[in-house]
Amino acid sequence: MKSYTLKEIIDLLVKNGFELIRTKGSHQIFINRTSGMRTVVPMHSKDLKKGILHGILKQAGIDPDNII
């Protein structure tokens, strides 16, 4: 899995029905009102590492193999 920028991750979440509900410190909290799934995205200037990316996708219920 390649590394992704913050913008790419946010675009992926929005495409999958998530919306930003609040920002707390250096983290953005997204929720999918249909499924009730929630995920937290850290706001960093660097690319997100694969471990953090995997955690975000797991919280969001998105299969990492489908985001090529």
N, C-alpha and C. Protein backbone atom coordinates (compact mmCIF):
# COMPACT_ATOMS: atom_id res chain seq x y z
N MET A 1 0.85 -1.17 0.00
CA MET A 1 0.00 0.00 0.00
C MET A 1 0.89 1.24 0.00
N LYS A 2 0.62 2.16 -0.90
CA LYS A 2 1.42 3.39 -0.96
C LYS A 2 0.98 4.36 0.12
N SER A 3 1.79 5.37 0.36
CA SER A 3 1.40 6.39 1.34
C SER A 3 0.48 7.40 0.65
N TYR A 4 -0.38 8.02 1.42
CA TYR A 4 -1.35 8.97 0.90
C TYR A 4 -1.24 10.29 1.64
N THR A 5 -1.60 11.36 0.96
CA THR A 5 -1.63 12.67 1.59
C THR A 5 -2.95 12.83 2.35
N LEU A 6 -2.98 13.81 3.21
CA LEU A 6 -4.19 14.10 3.97
C LEU A 6 -5.36 14.38 3.03
N LYS A 7 -5.12 15.16 1.99
CA LYS A 7 -6.19 15.50 1.05
C LYS A 7 -6.74 14.25 0.36
N GLU A 8 -5.87 13.33 -0.02
CA GLU A 8 -6.32 12.10 -0.69
C GLU A 8 -7.19 11.26 0.24
N ILE A 9 -6.82 11.20 1.52
CA ILE A 9 -7.60 10.42 2.48
C ILE A 9 -8.96 11.06 2.70
N ILE A 10 -8.98 12.39 2.86
CA ILE A 10 -10.25 13.09 3.06
C ILE A 10 -11.16 12.91 1.85
N ASP A 11 -10.61 13.02 0.64
CA ASP A 11 -11.39 12.81 -0.58
C ASP A 11 -11.96 11.40 -0.62
N LEU A 12 -11.18 10.41 -0.21
CA LEU A 12 -11.64 9.02 -0.18
C LEU A 12 -12.79 8.85 0.81
N LEU A 13 -12.67 9.46 1.99
CA LEU A 13 -13.72 9.37 3.00
C LEU A 13 -15.01 10.03 2.50
N VAL A 14 -14.90 11.21 1.93
CA VAL A 14 -16.08 11.93 1.42
C VAL A 14 -16.74 11.11 0.31
N LYS A 15 -15.93 10.52 -0.56
CA LYS A 15 -16.46 9.69 -1.64
C LYS A 15 -17.23 8.49 -1.09
N ASN A 16 -16.86 8.03 0.11
CA ASN A 16 -17.52 6.89 0.73
C ASN A 16 -18.60 7.31 1.73
N GLY A 17 -19.08 8.56 1.64
CA GLY A 17 -20.22 9.00 2.43
C GLY A 17 -19.90 9.61 3.78
N PHE A 18 -18.65 9.90 4.06
CA PHE A 18 -18.27 10.50 5.34
C PHE A 18 -18.31 12.02 5.23
N GLU A 19 -18.60 12.67 6.36
CA GLU A 19 -18.56 14.12 6.41
C GLU A 19 -17.84 14.55 7.68
N LEU A 20 -17.17 15.68 7.58
CA LEU A 20 -16.44 16.23 8.72
C LEU A 20 -17.45 16.76 9.72
N ILE A 21 -17.36 16.26 10.98
CA ILE A 21 -18.29 16.77 11.98
C ILE A 21 -17.62 17.72 12.95
N ARG A 22 -16.31 17.55 13.17
CA ARG A 22 -15.62 18.50 14.04
C ARG A 22 -14.12 18.30 13.92
N THR A 23 -13.41 19.31 14.41
CA THR A 23 -11.96 19.27 14.49
C THR A 23 -11.58 19.49 15.93
N LYS A 24 -10.69 18.65 16.44
CA LYS A 24 -10.25 18.79 17.82
C LYS A 24 -8.72 18.73 17.82
N GLY A 25 -8.10 19.86 18.11
CA GLY A 25 -6.64 19.90 18.07
C GLY A 25 -6.14 19.65 16.67
N SER A 26 -5.29 18.65 16.52
CA SER A 26 -4.74 18.34 15.20
C SER A 26 -5.40 17.12 14.57
N HIS A 27 -6.66 16.86 14.94
CA HIS A 27 -7.38 15.71 14.40
C HIS A 27 -8.75 16.14 13.88
N GLN A 28 -9.15 15.55 12.76
CA GLN A 28 -10.47 15.78 12.20
C GLN A 28 -11.29 14.52 12.41
N ILE A 29 -12.54 14.69 12.80
CA ILE A 29 -13.42 13.56 13.06
C ILE A 29 -14.49 13.52 11.98
N PHE A 30 -14.57 12.39 11.29
CA PHE A 30 -15.52 12.19 10.21
C PHE A 30 -16.53 11.13 10.63
N ILE A 31 -17.77 11.28 10.16
CA ILE A 31 -18.81 10.30 10.45
C ILE A 31 -19.59 10.02 9.18
N ASN A 32 -20.03 8.78 9.05
CA ASN A 32 -20.93 8.39 7.98
C ASN A 32 -22.29 8.24 8.64
N ARG A 33 -23.18 9.16 8.37
CA ARG A 33 -24.48 9.17 9.05
C ARG A 33 -25.35 7.97 8.67
N THR A 34 -25.11 7.37 7.52
CA THR A 34 -25.88 6.20 7.10
C THR A 34 -25.50 4.97 7.91
N SER A 35 -24.21 4.71 8.01
CA SER A 35 -23.74 3.50 8.69
C SER A 35 -23.42 3.73 10.16
N GLY A 36 -23.23 5.00 10.56
CA GLY A 36 -22.85 5.30 11.93
C GLY A 36 -21.36 5.12 12.20
N MET A 37 -20.59 4.78 11.17
CA MET A 37 -19.15 4.59 11.33
C MET A 37 -18.49 5.95 11.56
N ARG A 38 -17.43 5.94 12.38
CA ARG A 38 -16.71 7.16 12.70
C ARG A 38 -15.23 6.89 12.57
N THR A 39 -14.48 7.88 12.10
CA THR A 39 -13.04 7.74 12.00
C THR A 39 -12.36 9.07 12.31
N VAL A 40 -11.16 8.99 12.83
CA VAL A 40 -10.38 10.16 13.21
C VAL A 40 -9.17 10.24 12.28
N VAL A 41 -8.95 11.41 11.70
CA VAL A 41 -7.84 11.62 10.77
C VAL A 41 -6.89 12.66 11.35
N PRO A 42 -5.62 12.29 11.58
CA PRO A 42 -4.66 13.28 12.07
C PRO A 42 -4.28 14.24 10.95
N MET A 43 -4.17 15.52 11.27
CA MET A 43 -3.80 16.53 10.28
C MET A 43 -2.30 16.79 10.38
N HIS A 44 -1.55 16.20 9.45
CA HIS A 44 -0.10 16.38 9.40
C HIS A 44 0.27 16.84 8.01
N SER A 45 1.39 17.51 7.89
CA SER A 45 1.82 18.01 6.58
C SER A 45 2.46 16.91 5.74
N LYS A 46 2.92 15.85 6.36
CA LYS A 46 3.56 14.76 5.64
C LYS A 46 2.52 13.73 5.20
N ASP A 47 2.95 12.81 4.34
CA ASP A 47 2.09 11.70 3.95
C ASP A 47 1.80 10.83 5.17
N LEU A 48 0.60 10.24 5.20
CA LEU A 48 0.24 9.36 6.30
C LEU A 48 0.90 8.01 6.08
N LYS A 49 1.51 7.47 7.10
CA LYS A 49 2.18 6.17 6.99
C LYS A 49 1.14 5.06 6.90
N LYS A 50 1.59 3.90 6.42
CA LYS A 50 0.64 2.83 6.14
C LYS A 50 -0.09 2.33 7.37
N GLY A 51 0.53 2.36 8.54
CA GLY A 51 -0.14 1.92 9.76
C GLY A 51 -1.29 2.83 10.14
N ILE A 52 -1.07 4.14 10.05
CA ILE A 52 -2.13 5.11 10.35
C ILE A 52 -3.23 5.00 9.30
N LEU A 53 -2.83 4.89 8.04
CA LEU A 53 -3.79 4.76 6.95
C LEU A 53 -4.66 3.52 7.15
N HIS A 54 -4.03 2.41 7.50
CA HIS A 54 -4.78 1.17 7.72
C HIS A 54 -5.79 1.34 8.86
N GLY A 55 -5.39 2.02 9.93
CA GLY A 55 -6.30 2.26 11.05
C GLY A 55 -7.49 3.12 10.66
N ILE A 56 -7.24 4.16 9.87
CA ILE A 56 -8.32 5.03 9.41
C ILE A 56 -9.30 4.23 8.55
N LEU A 57 -8.77 3.44 7.63
CA LEU A 57 -9.63 2.64 6.75
C LEU A 57 -10.42 1.60 7.54
N LYS A 58 -9.79 1.00 8.54
CA LYS A 58 -10.47 0.00 9.36
C LYS A 58 -11.62 0.64 10.14
N GLN A 59 -11.37 1.82 10.74
CA GLN A 59 -12.42 2.53 11.46
C GLN A 59 -13.57 2.90 10.52
N ALA A 60 -13.24 3.23 9.27
CA ALA A 60 -14.25 3.66 8.30
C ALA A 60 -14.95 2.48 7.63
N GLY A 61 -14.44 1.28 7.82
CA GLY A 61 -15.04 0.11 7.19
C GLY A 61 -14.74 0.02 5.70
N ILE A 62 -13.61 0.58 5.28
CA ILE A 62 -13.21 0.58 3.87
C ILE A 62 -12.11 -0.46 3.68
N ASP A 63 -12.29 -1.33 2.69
CA ASP A 63 -11.30 -2.37 2.40
C ASP A 63 -10.07 -1.74 1.76
N PRO A 64 -8.88 -1.87 2.39
CA PRO A 64 -7.66 -1.26 1.84
C PRO A 64 -7.31 -1.76 0.44
N ASP A 65 -7.73 -2.96 0.09
CA ASP A 65 -7.41 -3.51 -1.23
C ASP A 65 -8.20 -2.83 -2.35
N ASN A 66 -9.23 -2.08 -1.99
CA ASN A 66 -10.08 -1.45 -3.01
C ASN A 66 -9.76 0.02 -3.26
N ILE A 67 -8.64 0.52 -2.73
CA ILE A 67 -8.36 1.95 -2.88
C ILE A 67 -7.18 2.23 -3.79
N ILE A 68 -6.83 1.32 -4.62
CA ILE A 68 -5.65 1.44 -5.49
C ILE A 68 -5.54 2.78 -6.09
